[in-house]
């Protein structure tokens, strides 16, 4: 969960990790809290934890092509575009596959 000291839960953040693959970060923020820096702060904090406690130095992520603001969050956290675009399911769109720009973070 992404929790604000005064506002309570404002979103979610998590990692997907399958044996033999790289860790992948994903997040979603309640629309009421967009453009306030909460997602960027949460992703940066999660990456610090990944590096320090999980001892990982590579994390992948993606953002839907029609959501460039999410790409900016990842860029601010140090992710770089890989040039790959994959079709990924979107829970908010009923599982519809959506073009996703893939990114990588290297500690």
C-alpha atoms as a PDB file:
ATOM      1  CA  UNK A   1       0.000   0.000   0.000  1.00  0.00           C
ATOM      2  CA  UNK A   2       1.028   3.572  -0.578  1.00  0.00           C
ATOM      3  CA  UNK A   3       0.007   5.347   2.582  1.00  0.00           C
ATOM      4  CA  UNK A   4       0.064   9.071   3.247  1.00  0.00           C
ATOM      5  CA  UNK A   5       0.622  10.204   6.814  1.00  0.00           C
ATOM      6  CA  UNK A   6      -2.547  12.327   6.871  1.00  0.00           C
ATOM      7  CA  UNK A   7      -4.657  10.994   3.995  1.00  0.00           C
ATOM      8  CA  UNK A   8      -4.384   7.260   4.614  1.00  0.00           C
ATOM      9  CA  UNK A   9      -4.058   4.803   1.721  1.00  0.00           C
ATOM     10  CA  UNK A  10      -3.670   6.611  -1.610  1.00  0.00           C
ATOM     11  CA  UNK A  11      -2.558   3.701  -3.789  1.00  0.00           C
ATOM     12  CA  UNK A  12      -0.821   0.350  -4.064  1.00  0.00           C
ATOM     13  CA  UNK A  13       2.654  -0.792  -5.062  1.00  0.00           C
ATOM     14  CA  UNK A  14       4.058  -4.269  -5.397  1.00  0.00           C
ATOM     15  CA  UNK A  15       6.591  -6.538  -7.009  1.00  0.00           C
ATOM     16  CA  UNK A  16       6.120  -9.547  -9.204  1.00  0.00           C
ATOM     17  CA  UNK A  17       8.943 -12.036  -9.157  1.00  0.00           C
ATOM     18  CA  UNK A  18       8.918 -15.433 -10.789  1.00  0.00           C
ATOM     19  CA  UNK A  19      11.828 -17.794 -10.270  1.00  0.00           C
ATOM     20  CA  UNK A  20      14.515 -17.113 -12.844  1.00  0.00           C
ATOM     21  CA  UNK A  21      13.116 -13.757 -13.960  1.00  0.00           C
ATOM     22  CA  UNK A  22      13.780 -10.192 -12.966  1.00  0.00           C
ATOM     23  CA  UNK A  23      11.687  -8.447 -10.365  1.00  0.00           C
ATOM     24  CA  UNK A  24       8.975  -6.227 -11.830  1.00  0.00           C
ATOM     25  CA  UNK A  25       7.434  -3.270 -10.020  1.00  0.00           C
ATOM     26  CA  UNK A  26       3.884  -2.121 -10.523  1.00  0.00           C
ATOM     27  CA  UNK A  27       1.790   0.567  -8.879  1.00  0.00           C
ATOM     28  CA  UNK A  28      -1.548   2.325  -9.064  1.00  0.00           C
ATOM     29  CA  UNK A  29      -2.574   5.578  -7.443  1.00  0.00           C
ATOM     30  CA  UNK A  30      -6.093   6.806  -6.732  1.00  0.00           C
ATOM     31  CA  UNK A  31      -6.870   9.454  -9.356  1.00  0.00           C
ATOM     32  CA  UNK A  32      -7.540  12.033  -6.601  1.00  0.00           C
ATOM     33  CA  UNK A  33      -3.824  11.935  -5.705  1.00  0.00           C
ATOM     34  CA  UNK A  34      -2.255  12.177  -9.165  1.00  0.00           C
ATOM     35  CA  UNK A  35       0.334  14.886  -9.876  1.00  0.00           C
ATOM     36  CA  UNK A  36       1.413  15.308  -6.243  1.00  0.00           C
ATOM     37  CA  UNK A  37       4.629  13.252  -6.311  1.00  0.00           C
ATOM     38  CA  UNK A  38       3.261  10.382  -4.225  1.00  0.00           C
ATOM     39  CA  UNK A  39       3.890   7.697  -6.857  1.00  0.00           C
ATOM     40  CA  UNK A  40       7.433   8.920  -7.503  1.00  0.00           C
ATOM     41  CA  UNK A  41       8.228   8.945  -3.793  1.00  0.00           C
ATOM     42  CA  UNK A  42       6.776   5.461  -3.335  1.00  0.00           C
ATOM     43  CA  UNK A  43       8.669   3.980  -6.299  1.00  0.00           C
ATOM     44  CA  UNK A  44      11.955   5.559  -5.173  1.00  0.00           C
ATOM     45  CA  UNK A  45      11.468   4.217  -1.651  1.00  0.00           C
ATOM     46  CA  UNK A  46      10.647   0.744  -2.947  1.00  0.00           C
ATOM     47  CA  UNK A  47      13.791   0.731  -5.096  1.00  0.00           C
ATOM     48  CA  UNK A  48      15.933   1.708  -2.111  1.00  0.00           C
ATOM     49  CA  UNK A  49      14.455  -1.248  -0.248  1.00  0.00           C
ATOM     50  CA  UNK A  50      15.044  -3.585  -3.217  1.00  0.00           C
ATOM     51  CA  UNK A  51      18.694  -2.592  -3.396  1.00  0.00           C
ATOM     52  CA  UNK A  52      19.380  -2.628   0.364  1.00  0.00           C
ATOM     53  CA  UNK A  53      17.273  -5.506   1.679  1.00  0.00           C
ATOM     54  CA  UNK A  54      16.521  -7.642  -1.356  1.00  0.00           C
ATOM     55  CA  UNK A  55      19.997  -7.048  -2.815  1.00  0.00           C
ATOM     56  CA  UNK A  56      18.680  -6.731  -6.343  1.00  0.00           C
ATOM     57  CA  UNK A  57      20.237  -4.407  -8.873  1.00  0.00           C
ATOM     58  CA  UNK A  58      17.825  -4.852 -11.784  1.00  0.00           C
ATOM     59  CA  UNK A  59      14.076  -4.173 -11.761  1.00  0.00           C
ATOM     60  CA  UNK A  60      11.786  -3.948 -14.769  1.00  0.00           C
ATOM     61  CA  UNK A  61       8.581  -1.955 -15.184  1.00  0.00           C
ATOM     62  CA  UNK A  62       6.224  -0.791 -17.852  1.00  0.00           C
ATOM     63  CA  UNK A  63       3.611   1.848 -18.448  1.00  0.00           C
ATOM     64  CA  UNK A  64       0.671   1.864 -20.820  1.00  0.00           C
ATOM     65  CA  UNK A  65       1.440   3.967 -23.893  1.00  0.00           C
ATOM     66  CA  UNK A  66      -1.622   6.104 -23.247  1.00  0.00           C
ATOM     67  CA  UNK A  67      -0.344   6.976 -19.735  1.00  0.00           C
ATOM     68  CA  UNK A  68       2.864   8.993 -20.242  1.00  0.00           C
ATOM     69  CA  UNK A  69       2.601  10.430 -16.703  1.00  0.00           C
ATOM     70  CA  UNK A  70       3.334   6.960 -15.343  1.00  0.00           C
ATOM     71  CA  UNK A  71       6.392   6.860 -17.612  1.00  0.00           C
ATOM     72  CA  UNK A  72       7.543  10.142 -16.054  1.00  0.00           C
ATOM     73  CA  UNK A  73       7.227   8.608 -12.568  1.00  0.00           C
ATOM     74  CA  UNK A  74       9.492   5.769 -13.653  1.00  0.00           C
ATOM     75  CA  UNK A  75      11.978   8.124 -15.354  1.00  0.00           C
ATOM     76  CA  UNK A  76      12.214  10.246 -12.194  1.00  0.00           C
ATOM     77  CA  UNK A  77      12.948   7.059 -10.232  1.00  0.00           C
ATOM     78  CA  UNK A  78      15.823   6.201 -12.587  1.00  0.00           C
ATOM     79  CA  UNK A  79      14.236   3.802 -15.067  1.00  0.00           C
ATOM     80  CA  UNK A  80      15.346   3.782 -18.703  1.00  0.00           C
ATOM     81  CA  UNK A  81      13.328   2.758 -21.760  1.00  0.00           C
ATOM     82  CA  UNK A  82      14.318  -0.569 -23.317  1.00  0.00           C
ATOM     83  CA  UNK A  83      12.653   0.124 -26.667  1.00  0.00           C
ATOM     84  CA  UNK A  84      10.336  -2.864 -26.199  1.00  0.00           C
ATOM     85  CA  UNK A  85       6.559  -2.573 -26.351  1.00  0.00           C
ATOM     86  CA  UNK A  86       4.513  -5.500 -25.028  1.00  0.00           C
ATOM     87  CA  UNK A  87       0.803  -6.174 -24.816  1.00  0.00           C
ATOM     88  CA  UNK A  88      -0.058  -6.374 -21.101  1.00  0.00           C
ATOM     89  CA  UNK A  89      -3.446  -6.882 -19.424  1.00  0.00           C
ATOM     90  CA  UNK A  90      -5.035  -3.919 -17.684  1.00  0.00           C
ATOM     91  CA  UNK A  91      -7.202  -4.732 -14.655  1.00  0.00           C
ATOM     92  CA  UNK A  92      -8.821  -1.298 -14.859  1.00  0.00           C
ATOM     93  CA  UNK A  93      -9.900  -2.104 -18.428  1.00  0.00           C
ATOM     94  CA  UNK A  94     -11.405  -5.482 -17.679  1.00  0.00           C
ATOM     95  CA  UNK A  95      -8.234  -7.397 -18.518  1.00  0.00           C
ATOM     96  CA  UNK A  96      -7.925  -5.884 -21.989  1.00  0.00           C
ATOM     97  CA  UNK A  97      -4.404  -6.170 -23.447  1.00  0.00           C
ATOM     98  CA  UNK A  98      -2.846  -2.716 -23.789  1.00  0.00           C
ATOM     99  CA  UNK A  99       0.427  -1.657 -25.444  1.00  0.00           C
ATOM    100  CA  UNK A 100       2.995  -1.193 -22.678  1.00  0.00           C
ATOM    101  CA  UNK A 101       6.366   0.561 -22.982  1.00  0.00           C
ATOM    102  CA  UNK A 102       8.937  -1.464 -21.051  1.00  0.00           C
ATOM    103  CA  UNK A 103      11.646   0.063 -18.856  1.00  0.00           C
ATOM    104  CA  UNK A 104      14.543  -1.119 -16.701  1.00  0.00           C
ATOM    105  CA  UNK A 105      16.195   0.186 -13.521  1.00  0.00           C
ATOM    106  CA  UNK A 106      19.840  -0.659 -12.886  1.00  0.00           C
ATOM    107  CA  UNK A 107      21.201   0.030  -9.403  1.00  0.00           C
END
